Amino acid sequence: MKNRYHNAAYQYSAHNLRQLQDAGGFEVAFAGRSNAGKSSAINAITGSNSLARTSKTPGRTQQIIFFDLGQGRRLVDLPGYGFAKVAHSMRGHWHETLPRFLAGRRQLQGLIVLMDSRHPAKPQDTQLVEWCVELGLPVHILLTKSDKLSRSAGLQALREIRAGLPGEVTLQLFSAHARQGLDEARGKLDEWFAWPGDG
């Protein structure tokens, strides 16, 4: 499958909604708990080792970060949520800002939600997915770090998560480390971005 994402380049970061650029076009955002491997997934999908900053300390992404793909299309890296060791005031800021971004960003075509396949569907994950479904925002879930599960355990995780999801939400196994699920993830992005010249 053609990788349309290898030319992704950092565009800008926003700490609050007032700093957002209204550039039109199409965007797909990535969200997940602070230890779900969000930055690693973005790097694997784009074929870059350093596009999104990775860290052994969860919660390092504390801004809304935009990556330009060309042709009016962008990936958006949202701050991680969960147990990240960030100031209480910062957690409160993002608790208010992210829902407003997801509800009001008209360029947004879909949300990729990342969950650790070994510890998926935490309450915050489920709440985010259900809320996006209510908004009418398409959601695709990457069950990350799936290389740490056996094949049978991975399939069991898929079945269990699938059973608790609204029908319109899609999901897959994914491993940035093992390069598992890259074509499927890129295929979902292709679908949402509706690249010129596609079918």
Protein backbone atom coordinates (compact mmCIF):
# COMPACT_ATOMS: atom_id res chain seq x y z
CA MET A 1 0.00 0.00 0.00
CA LYS A 2 1.23 3.48 -0.87
CA ASN A 3 2.40 5.40 2.18
CA ARG A 4 1.02 8.91 1.75
CA TYR A 5 2.29 9.90 5.18
CA HIS A 6 6.07 9.65 4.85
CA ASN A 7 6.36 13.36 3.99
CA ALA A 8 4.60 14.45 7.19
CA ALA A 9 6.27 17.51 8.71
CA TYR A 10 5.78 19.45 11.93
CA GLN A 11 3.57 22.47 11.29
CA TYR A 12 2.77 24.13 14.64
CA SER A 13 1.64 23.58 18.23
CA ALA A 14 -1.22 25.16 20.17
CA HIS A 15 -1.56 25.37 23.94
CA ASN A 16 -5.13 26.66 23.77
CA LEU A 17 -7.92 26.97 21.22
CA ARG A 18 -7.18 30.64 20.55
CA GLN A 19 -3.86 29.61 19.01
CA LEU A 20 -5.43 27.27 16.47
CA GLN A 21 -5.03 28.15 12.81
CA ASP A 22 -8.20 27.94 10.75
CA ALA A 23 -6.56 26.63 7.61
CA GLY A 24 -9.49 24.60 6.29
CA GLY A 25 -8.75 21.22 4.76
CA PHE A 26 -8.96 17.87 6.52
CA GLU A 27 -7.54 16.63 9.83
CA VAL A 28 -7.39 13.33 11.70
CA ALA A 29 -6.50 13.42 15.41
CA PHE A 30 -4.78 10.84 17.61
CA ALA A 31 -5.76 10.50 21.28
CA GLY A 32 -5.03 8.01 24.03
CA ARG A 33 -3.90 7.40 27.55
CA SER A 34 -0.45 8.70 28.34
CA ASN A 35 1.14 5.23 28.16
CA ALA A 36 -0.70 3.90 25.09
CA GLY A 37 2.13 4.52 22.62
CA LYS A 38 0.53 7.37 20.70
CA SER A 39 3.73 9.07 19.55
CA SER A 40 5.27 5.73 18.55
CA ALA A 41 2.18 4.94 16.47
CA ILE A 42 2.33 8.28 14.65
CA ASN A 43 6.02 7.75 13.91
CA ALA A 44 5.40 4.21 12.63
CA ILE A 45 2.50 5.25 10.40
CA THR A 46 4.50 8.10 8.89
CA GLY A 47 7.69 6.06 8.66
CA SER A 48 9.60 8.54 10.81
CA ASN A 49 11.70 7.87 13.89
CA SER A 50 11.36 11.35 15.31
CA LEU A 51 8.29 13.16 13.94
CA ALA A 52 6.31 12.80 17.16
CA ARG A 53 8.36 13.06 20.33
CA THR A 54 8.48 9.80 22.28
CA SER A 55 9.52 9.49 25.90
CA LYS A 56 9.75 6.92 28.64
CA THR A 57 7.90 9.46 30.79
CA PRO A 58 4.19 9.34 29.85
CA GLY A 59 2.41 12.61 29.26
CA ARG A 60 5.15 14.54 27.49
CA THR A 61 2.74 15.77 24.79
CA GLN A 62 1.10 18.75 26.49
CA GLN A 63 0.05 20.73 23.45
CA ILE A 64 -2.08 20.14 20.36
CA ILE A 65 0.52 19.38 17.69
CA PHE A 66 -0.18 19.59 13.96
CA PHE A 67 1.74 17.70 11.27
CA ASP A 68 1.30 18.79 7.66
CA LEU A 69 0.76 16.10 5.02
CA GLY A 70 0.30 18.40 2.04
CA GLN A 71 -2.85 18.92 -0.04
CA GLY A 72 -4.63 20.53 2.90
CA ARG A 73 -4.37 17.45 5.13
CA ARG A 74 -2.96 17.21 8.64
CA LEU A 75 -2.41 14.75 11.48
CA VAL A 76 -3.10 16.09 14.96
CA ASP A 77 -1.36 14.78 18.09
CA LEU A 78 -3.53 15.44 21.14
CA PRO A 79 -2.21 15.47 24.73
CA GLY A 80 -2.35 12.10 26.45
CA TYR A 81 -4.74 11.56 29.33
CA GLY A 82 -4.61 9.25 32.33
CA PHE A 83 -1.93 8.94 34.97
CA ALA A 84 0.59 11.34 33.42
CA LYS A 85 2.65 13.16 36.04
CA VAL A 86 1.67 16.67 35.04
CA ALA A 87 0.45 19.51 37.20
CA HIS A 88 -3.17 19.38 38.35
CA SER A 89 -3.80 22.73 36.67
CA MET A 90 -2.55 21.31 33.36
CA ARG A 91 -4.81 18.28 33.65
CA GLY A 92 -7.74 20.58 34.31
CA HIS A 93 -6.85 22.72 31.31
CA TRP A 94 -6.83 19.77 28.93
CA HIS A 95 -9.94 18.25 30.47
CA GLU A 96 -11.77 21.39 29.33
CA THR A 97 -9.88 22.05 26.09
CA LEU A 98 -9.98 18.64 24.39
CA PRO A 99 -13.78 18.22 24.37
CA ARG A 100 -14.10 21.72 22.93
CA PHE A 101 -11.54 20.90 20.25
CA LEU A 102 -13.21 17.63 19.27
CA ALA A 103 -16.68 19.15 19.22
CA GLY A 104 -15.79 22.37 17.44
CA ARG A 105 -12.98 21.57 15.00
CA ARG A 106 -14.85 21.48 11.69
CA GLN A 107 -11.81 20.17 9.79
CA LEU A 108 -11.75 16.99 11.89
CA GLN A 109 -12.66 13.90 9.87
CA GLY A 110 -12.07 11.24 12.51
CA LEU A 111 -10.32 10.29 15.73
CA ILE A 112 -7.78 7.50 16.18
CA VAL A 113 -8.00 6.28 19.78
CA LEU A 114 -5.03 4.31 21.06
CA MET A 115 -5.42 1.73 23.82
CA ASP A 116 -2.78 -0.58 25.25
CA SER A 117 -3.98 -4.01 24.09
CA ARG A 118 -3.01 -5.48 27.47
CA HIS A 119 -5.08 -2.93 29.43
CA PRO A 120 -7.77 -1.64 27.05
CA ALA A 121 -11.09 0.12 27.55
CA LYS A 122 -10.31 2.02 30.72
CA PRO A 123 -13.19 4.30 31.83
CA GLN A 124 -11.62 7.37 30.20
CA ASP A 125 -11.18 5.46 26.94
CA THR A 126 -14.78 4.31 26.91
CA GLN A 127 -16.06 7.76 27.82
CA LEU A 128 -14.09 9.37 24.99
CA VAL A 129 -15.29 6.86 22.40
CA GLU A 130 -18.94 7.10 23.46
CA TRP A 131 -18.81 10.89 23.50
CA CYS A 132 -17.33 11.02 19.98
CA VAL A 133 -20.04 8.66 18.73
CA GLU A 134 -22.65 11.02 20.16
CA LEU A 135 -20.95 13.88 18.29
CA GLY A 136 -21.05 11.89 15.07
CA LEU A 137 -17.24 11.88 14.89
CA PRO A 138 -15.89 8.64 13.36
CA VAL A 139 -13.62 6.62 15.67
CA HIS A 140 -11.03 3.96 14.88
CA ILE A 141 -9.24 2.20 17.74
CA LEU A 142 -5.66 0.96 17.62
CA LEU A 143 -5.00 -1.74 20.21
CA THR A 144 -1.31 -0.98 20.61
CA LYS A 145 1.65 -3.07 21.75
CA SER A 146 -0.08 -6.15 20.34
CA ASP A 147 3.30 -7.81 19.77
CA LYS A 148 3.33 -8.42 23.53
CA LEU A 149 0.27 -10.67 23.19
CA SER A 150 0.02 -14.13 21.67
CA ARG A 151 -2.13 -14.41 18.56
CA SER A 152 -4.99 -16.00 20.51
CA ALA A 153 -4.80 -13.37 23.25
CA GLY A 154 -4.84 -10.62 20.63
CA LEU A 155 -7.91 -12.04 18.94
CA GLN A 156 -9.60 -12.42 22.32
CA ALA A 157 -8.89 -8.76 23.10
CA LEU A 158 -10.42 -7.76 19.77
CA ARG A 159 -13.57 -9.77 20.46
CA GLU A 160 -14.00 -8.45 23.98
CA ILE A 161 -13.54 -4.80 23.02
CA ARG A 162 -15.69 -5.17 19.91
CA ALA A 163 -18.57 -6.53 22.00
CA GLY A 164 -18.72 -3.35 24.07
CA LEU A 165 -18.47 -0.84 21.22
CA PRO A 166 -21.13 0.95 19.17
CA GLY A 167 -21.40 -0.67 15.75
CA GLU A 168 -19.93 2.26 13.84
CA VAL A 169 -16.61 2.20 15.73
CA THR A 170 -13.83 0.18 14.07
CA LEU A 171 -10.74 -1.33 15.68
CA GLN A 172 -7.60 -3.32 14.97
CA LEU A 173 -4.48 -4.77 16.55
CA PHE A 174 -1.41 -2.58 16.15
CA SER A 175 2.26 -2.67 17.10
CA ALA A 176 4.65 0.16 16.27
CA HIS A 177 7.59 -1.95 17.41
CA ALA A 178 6.71 -4.96 15.22
CA ARG A 179 5.26 -2.83 12.39
CA GLN A 180 1.99 -4.72 12.74
CA GLY A 181 -1.23 -3.22 11.39
CA LEU A 182 0.38 -0.31 9.54
CA ASP A 183 -1.43 -0.89 6.22
CA GLU A 184 -4.79 -1.19 7.96
CA ALA A 185 -4.23 2.00 9.93
CA ARG A 186 -3.08 3.90 6.85
CA GLY A 187 -6.09 2.55 4.97
CA LYS A 188 -8.41 4.07 7.56
CA LEU A 189 -6.59 7.40 7.27
CA ASP A 190 -6.86 7.22 3.47
CA GLU A 191 -10.61 6.67 3.82
CA TRP A 192 -11.09 9.66 6.09
CA PHE A 193 -8.79 11.98 4.17
CA ALA A 194 -10.41 11.13 0.81
CA TRP A 195 -7.22 11.91 -1.08
CA PRO A 196 -7.68 13.48 -4.54
CA GLY A 197 -7.63 10.85 -7.26
CA ASP A 198 -8.82 8.01 -5.02
CA GLY A 199 -11.54 5.85 -6.57
